[in-house]
């Protein structure tokens, strides 16, 4: 039942979700604005993504670290 719901949601959102270089977004292209301020400092402001790859990577690292700690506790 759970897999049917997940697959149906993916099929429904197939045309609304795009994978770009920063993550998963609702827009095909990144909406980044790059500019230099009056002092010559470079700024890059991007629109928010639905899911950022950095956020996913951080979550996976935490999960792996937690599982390694649990295994080490069991071994000891």
N, C-alpha and C. Protein backbone atom coordinates (compact mmCIF):
# COMPACT_ATOMS: atom_id res chain seq x y z
N UNK A 1 0.82 -1.19 0.00
CA UNK A 1 0.00 0.00 0.00
C UNK A 1 0.87 1.26 0.00
N UNK A 2 1.92 1.20 0.82
CA UNK A 2 2.81 2.36 0.92
C UNK A 2 3.52 2.61 -0.42
N UNK A 3 3.96 1.54 -1.07
CA UNK A 3 4.66 1.71 -2.34
C UNK A 3 3.72 2.23 -3.43
N UNK A 4 2.46 1.82 -3.38
CA UNK A 4 1.49 2.31 -4.36
C UNK A 4 1.30 3.81 -4.20
N UNK A 5 1.23 4.28 -2.96
CA UNK A 5 1.07 5.72 -2.71
C UNK A 5 2.29 6.50 -3.18
N UNK A 6 3.46 5.97 -2.91
CA UNK A 6 4.69 6.66 -3.31
C UNK A 6 4.80 6.70 -4.83
N UNK A 7 4.52 5.58 -5.50
CA UNK A 7 4.61 5.55 -6.95
C UNK A 7 3.57 6.46 -7.61
N UNK A 8 2.37 6.47 -7.07
CA UNK A 8 1.34 7.34 -7.64
C UNK A 8 1.69 8.82 -7.45
N UNK A 9 2.27 9.17 -6.31
CA UNK A 9 2.70 10.55 -6.08
C UNK A 9 3.82 10.94 -7.05
N UNK A 10 4.75 10.02 -7.29
CA UNK A 10 5.82 10.31 -8.24
C UNK A 10 5.29 10.49 -9.65
N UNK A 11 4.34 9.69 -10.04
CA UNK A 11 3.77 9.83 -11.38
C UNK A 11 2.99 11.13 -11.53
N UNK A 12 2.29 11.53 -10.49
CA UNK A 12 1.53 12.77 -10.56
C UNK A 12 2.43 14.00 -10.60
N UNK A 13 3.55 13.95 -9.90
CA UNK A 13 4.47 15.09 -9.83
C UNK A 13 5.56 15.03 -10.88
N UNK A 14 5.46 14.12 -11.80
CA UNK A 14 6.50 13.90 -12.79
C UNK A 14 6.81 15.15 -13.61
N UNK A 15 5.83 15.91 -13.98
CA UNK A 15 6.06 17.11 -14.79
C UNK A 15 6.28 18.36 -13.96
N UNK A 16 6.18 18.28 -12.65
CA UNK A 16 6.28 19.46 -11.79
C UNK A 16 7.59 19.55 -11.02
N UNK A 17 8.37 18.47 -11.03
CA UNK A 17 9.59 18.42 -10.23
C UNK A 17 10.77 18.22 -11.18
N UNK A 18 11.80 19.04 -11.00
CA UNK A 18 12.98 18.98 -11.85
C UNK A 18 14.23 18.82 -11.00
N UNK A 19 15.21 18.10 -11.54
CA UNK A 19 16.49 17.91 -10.87
C UNK A 19 17.49 18.86 -11.49
N UNK A 20 18.02 19.78 -10.69
CA UNK A 20 19.04 20.69 -11.17
C UNK A 20 20.33 20.45 -10.40
N UNK A 21 21.35 21.28 -10.61
CA UNK A 21 22.65 21.02 -10.00
C UNK A 21 22.69 21.28 -8.49
N UNK A 22 21.69 21.95 -7.93
CA UNK A 22 21.67 22.21 -6.49
C UNK A 22 20.72 21.31 -5.73
N UNK A 23 19.76 20.68 -6.43
CA UNK A 23 18.80 19.84 -5.75
C UNK A 23 17.56 19.61 -6.59
N UNK A 24 16.45 19.38 -5.92
CA UNK A 24 15.17 19.14 -6.58
C UNK A 24 14.35 20.42 -6.46
N UNK A 25 13.84 20.89 -7.60
CA UNK A 25 13.17 22.18 -7.62
C UNK A 25 11.87 22.09 -8.41
N UNK A 26 11.06 23.09 -8.28
CA UNK A 26 9.84 23.19 -9.05
C UNK A 26 10.05 23.92 -10.36
N UNK A 27 11.27 24.41 -10.60
CA UNK A 27 11.60 25.14 -11.83
C UNK A 27 12.72 24.41 -12.55
N UNK A 28 12.69 24.46 -13.86
CA UNK A 28 13.69 23.75 -14.65
C UNK A 28 15.09 24.35 -14.48
N UNK A 29 15.18 25.68 -14.49
CA UNK A 29 16.47 26.35 -14.36
C UNK A 29 16.60 26.94 -12.97
N UNK A 30 17.85 27.07 -12.52
CA UNK A 30 18.12 27.72 -11.25
C UNK A 30 17.79 29.20 -11.35
N UNK A 31 17.13 29.71 -10.33
CA UNK A 31 16.81 31.13 -10.31
C UNK A 31 17.85 31.90 -9.52
N UNK A 32 19.12 31.76 -9.87
CA UNK A 32 20.19 32.43 -9.13
C UNK A 32 20.46 33.81 -9.71
N UNK A 33 20.68 34.75 -8.82
CA UNK A 33 21.06 36.10 -9.23
C UNK A 33 22.46 36.35 -8.69
N UNK A 34 23.36 36.68 -9.59
CA UNK A 34 24.75 36.94 -9.22
C UNK A 34 25.04 38.42 -9.42
N UNK A 35 25.69 39.02 -8.44
CA UNK A 35 26.00 40.44 -8.56
C UNK A 35 27.15 40.81 -7.63
N UNK A 36 27.74 41.95 -7.91
CA UNK A 36 28.77 42.54 -7.05
C UNK A 36 28.17 43.76 -6.38
N UNK A 37 28.44 43.92 -5.09
CA UNK A 37 27.92 45.09 -4.40
C UNK A 37 28.88 46.27 -4.60
N UNK A 38 28.61 47.37 -3.93
CA UNK A 38 29.40 48.59 -4.11
C UNK A 38 30.84 48.43 -3.65
N UNK A 39 31.10 47.50 -2.73
CA UNK A 39 32.46 47.28 -2.24
C UNK A 39 33.21 46.24 -3.08
N UNK A 40 32.56 45.67 -4.10
CA UNK A 40 33.21 44.71 -4.97
C UNK A 40 33.12 43.28 -4.47
N UNK A 41 32.24 43.02 -3.53
CA UNK A 41 32.09 41.67 -2.99
C UNK A 41 31.05 40.92 -3.83
N UNK A 42 31.40 39.69 -4.23
CA UNK A 42 30.54 38.88 -5.07
C UNK A 42 29.43 38.23 -4.23
N UNK A 43 28.21 38.25 -4.73
CA UNK A 43 27.07 37.63 -4.05
C UNK A 43 26.33 36.75 -5.04
N UNK A 44 25.83 35.63 -4.56
CA UNK A 44 25.01 34.75 -5.37
C UNK A 44 23.80 34.36 -4.54
N UNK A 45 22.63 34.79 -4.95
CA UNK A 45 21.39 34.52 -4.22
C UNK A 45 20.54 33.61 -5.10
N UNK A 46 20.17 32.44 -4.58
CA UNK A 46 19.41 31.47 -5.36
C UNK A 46 18.04 31.24 -4.72
N UNK A 47 17.08 30.88 -5.58
CA UNK A 47 15.76 30.52 -5.08
C UNK A 47 15.86 29.24 -4.26
N UNK A 48 14.91 29.04 -3.37
CA UNK A 48 14.90 27.84 -2.54
C UNK A 48 14.48 26.63 -3.37
N UNK A 49 15.11 25.50 -3.09
CA UNK A 49 14.73 24.24 -3.71
C UNK A 49 13.78 23.49 -2.79
N UNK A 50 13.10 22.49 -3.35
CA UNK A 50 12.27 21.62 -2.52
C UNK A 50 13.17 20.80 -1.61
N UNK A 51 14.22 20.21 -2.20
CA UNK A 51 15.21 19.43 -1.46
C UNK A 51 16.58 19.81 -2.00
N UNK A 52 17.50 20.16 -1.10
CA UNK A 52 18.88 20.44 -1.50
C UNK A 52 19.71 19.18 -1.35
N UNK A 53 20.64 18.97 -2.29
CA UNK A 53 21.50 17.79 -2.19
C UNK A 53 22.36 17.84 -0.95
N UNK A 54 22.75 19.03 -0.52
CA UNK A 54 23.57 19.16 0.69
C UNK A 54 22.80 18.67 1.91
N UNK A 55 21.52 19.01 1.98
CA UNK A 55 20.69 18.58 3.10
C UNK A 55 20.56 17.07 3.13
N UNK A 56 20.37 16.46 1.96
CA UNK A 56 20.25 15.01 1.89
C UNK A 56 21.57 14.36 2.30
N UNK A 57 22.68 14.90 1.82
CA UNK A 57 23.99 14.35 2.18
C UNK A 57 24.26 14.43 3.66
N UNK A 58 23.90 15.55 4.29
CA UNK A 58 24.09 15.69 5.73
C UNK A 58 23.25 14.67 6.49
N UNK A 59 22.02 14.44 6.05
CA UNK A 59 21.15 13.46 6.70
C UNK A 59 21.69 12.05 6.58
N UNK A 60 22.25 11.72 5.41
CA UNK A 60 22.81 10.39 5.21
C UNK A 60 24.03 10.20 6.09
N UNK A 61 24.88 11.22 6.19
CA UNK A 61 26.07 11.12 7.04
C UNK A 61 25.68 10.89 8.49
N UNK A 62 24.66 11.60 8.97
CA UNK A 62 24.20 11.41 10.35
C UNK A 62 23.69 10.00 10.57
N UNK A 63 22.94 9.47 9.60
CA UNK A 63 22.42 8.11 9.71
C UNK A 63 23.52 7.08 9.71
N UNK A 64 24.53 7.27 8.87
CA UNK A 64 25.65 6.33 8.82
C UNK A 64 26.43 6.39 10.12
N UNK A 65 26.70 7.59 10.63
CA UNK A 65 27.43 7.73 11.89
C UNK A 65 26.67 7.08 13.03
N UNK A 66 25.36 7.24 13.06
CA UNK A 66 24.54 6.65 14.11
C UNK A 66 24.58 5.13 14.02
N UNK A 67 24.51 4.57 12.82
CA UNK A 67 24.54 3.12 12.68
C UNK A 67 25.90 2.56 13.04
N UNK A 68 26.98 3.28 12.69
CA UNK A 68 28.33 2.82 13.06
C UNK A 68 28.48 2.85 14.58
N UNK A 69 27.98 3.88 15.24
CA UNK A 69 28.05 3.95 16.70
C UNK A 69 27.27 2.81 17.34
N UNK A 70 26.11 2.50 16.79
CA UNK A 70 25.30 1.41 17.34
C UNK A 70 26.01 0.07 17.18
N UNK A 71 26.61 -0.16 16.03
CA UNK A 71 27.34 -1.41 15.80
C UNK A 71 28.53 -1.50 16.75
N UNK A 72 29.24 -0.41 16.95
CA UNK A 72 30.38 -0.41 17.87
C UNK A 72 29.94 -0.71 19.30
N UNK A 73 28.81 -0.18 19.71
CA UNK A 73 28.30 -0.47 21.05
C UNK A 73 27.91 -1.93 21.19
N UNK A 74 27.35 -2.51 20.15
CA UNK A 74 26.96 -3.93 20.19
C UNK A 74 28.20 -4.80 20.26
N UNK A 75 29.23 -4.46 19.51
CA UNK A 75 30.46 -5.26 19.50
C UNK A 75 31.14 -5.21 20.86
N UNK A 76 31.13 -4.08 21.53
CA UNK A 76 31.79 -3.96 22.83
C UNK A 76 30.96 -4.65 23.84
